[in-house]
Amino acid sequence: MTTETILNASQIVLAVLLGASILLQARGTGLGAAFGGGGNVYRTKRGAEKKIFQLTIVLSILFFGVALVNALV
């Protein structure tokens, strides 16, 4: 396997995982929230919600890094 193949495969896997983690966070946002309604109050993330949020950040950094390396190779 060449480096290009490994980078392409890892970028695809990271893209799928990043998309899934973003979709898992999207619960609770409805049409009213899109127009500024809903009366949302700031609250802290706890438990699994916090872990998914942190995982999304890590996956996005990894995805950006792999995409940058893939573009330079």
Protein backbone atom coordinates (compact mmCIF):
# COMPACT_ATOMS: atom_id res chain seq x y z
CA MET A 1 0.00 0.00 0.00
CA THR A 2 1.28 3.41 -0.90
CA THR A 3 1.22 6.48 1.30
CA GLU A 4 -1.40 8.07 -0.93
CA THR A 5 -3.75 5.10 -0.49
CA ILE A 6 -3.33 5.14 3.28
CA LEU A 7 -3.99 8.89 3.43
CA ASN A 8 -7.07 8.61 1.23
CA ALA A 9 -8.50 5.74 3.26
CA SER A 10 -7.85 7.50 6.58
CA GLN A 11 -9.43 10.70 5.26
CA ILE A 12 -12.58 8.80 4.25
CA VAL A 13 -12.80 7.07 7.63
CA LEU A 14 -12.29 10.36 9.48
CA ALA A 15 -14.93 12.05 7.32
CA VAL A 16 -17.51 9.38 8.15
CA LEU A 17 -16.69 9.48 11.87
CA LEU A 18 -16.76 13.29 11.91
CA GLY A 19 -20.13 13.35 10.16
CA ALA A 20 -21.55 10.82 12.61
CA SER A 21 -20.31 12.74 15.64
CA ILE A 22 -21.81 15.98 14.29
CA LEU A 23 -25.15 14.29 13.63
CA LEU A 24 -25.19 12.86 17.16
CA GLN A 25 -24.91 16.39 18.54
CA ALA A 26 -27.71 17.79 16.38
CA ARG A 27 -30.52 16.55 18.63
CA GLY A 28 -32.75 19.16 20.22
CA THR A 29 -32.45 21.72 17.44
CA GLY A 30 -35.70 22.31 15.69
CA LEU A 31 -37.13 24.73 13.18
CA GLY A 32 -37.84 27.27 15.91
CA ALA A 33 -34.17 27.39 16.86
CA ALA A 34 -33.27 28.20 13.27
CA PHE A 35 -35.22 31.45 13.52
CA GLY A 36 -33.98 32.41 16.96
CA GLY A 37 -36.90 31.03 18.94
CA GLY A 38 -37.10 28.33 21.52
CA GLY A 39 -35.89 30.29 24.53
CA ASN A 40 -32.69 28.28 24.88
CA VAL A 41 -30.75 28.94 28.05
CA TYR A 42 -27.00 28.40 28.30
CA ARG A 43 -26.17 25.14 29.99
CA THR A 44 -23.02 23.12 30.42
CA LYS A 45 -22.40 19.88 28.59
CA ARG A 46 -22.21 16.84 30.84
CA GLY A 47 -21.51 13.15 30.49
CA ALA A 48 -21.79 11.60 27.05
CA GLU A 49 -22.71 14.93 25.45
CA LYS A 50 -19.39 16.41 26.59
CA LYS A 51 -17.41 13.37 25.37
CA ILE A 52 -19.06 13.52 21.94
CA PHE A 53 -18.31 17.25 21.75
CA GLN A 54 -14.64 16.64 22.60
CA LEU A 55 -14.47 13.74 20.15
CA THR A 56 -15.83 16.00 17.41
CA ILE A 57 -13.09 18.54 18.07
CA VAL A 58 -10.37 15.87 17.96
CA LEU A 59 -11.79 14.32 14.78
CA SER A 60 -12.00 17.71 13.05
CA ILE A 61 -8.36 18.48 13.90
CA LEU A 62 -7.26 15.04 12.66
CA PHE A 63 -9.33 15.41 9.48
CA PHE A 64 -7.82 18.82 8.74
CA GLY A 65 -4.30 17.49 9.36
CA VAL A 66 -4.76 14.45 7.13
CA ALA A 67 -6.33 16.59 4.39
CA LEU A 68 -3.42 19.03 4.57
CA VAL A 69 -0.83 16.24 4.39
CA ASN A 70 -2.78 14.59 1.57
CA ALA A 71 -2.76 17.84 -0.40
CA LEU A 72 0.99 18.29 0.07
CA VAL A 73 1.93 14.72 -0.89
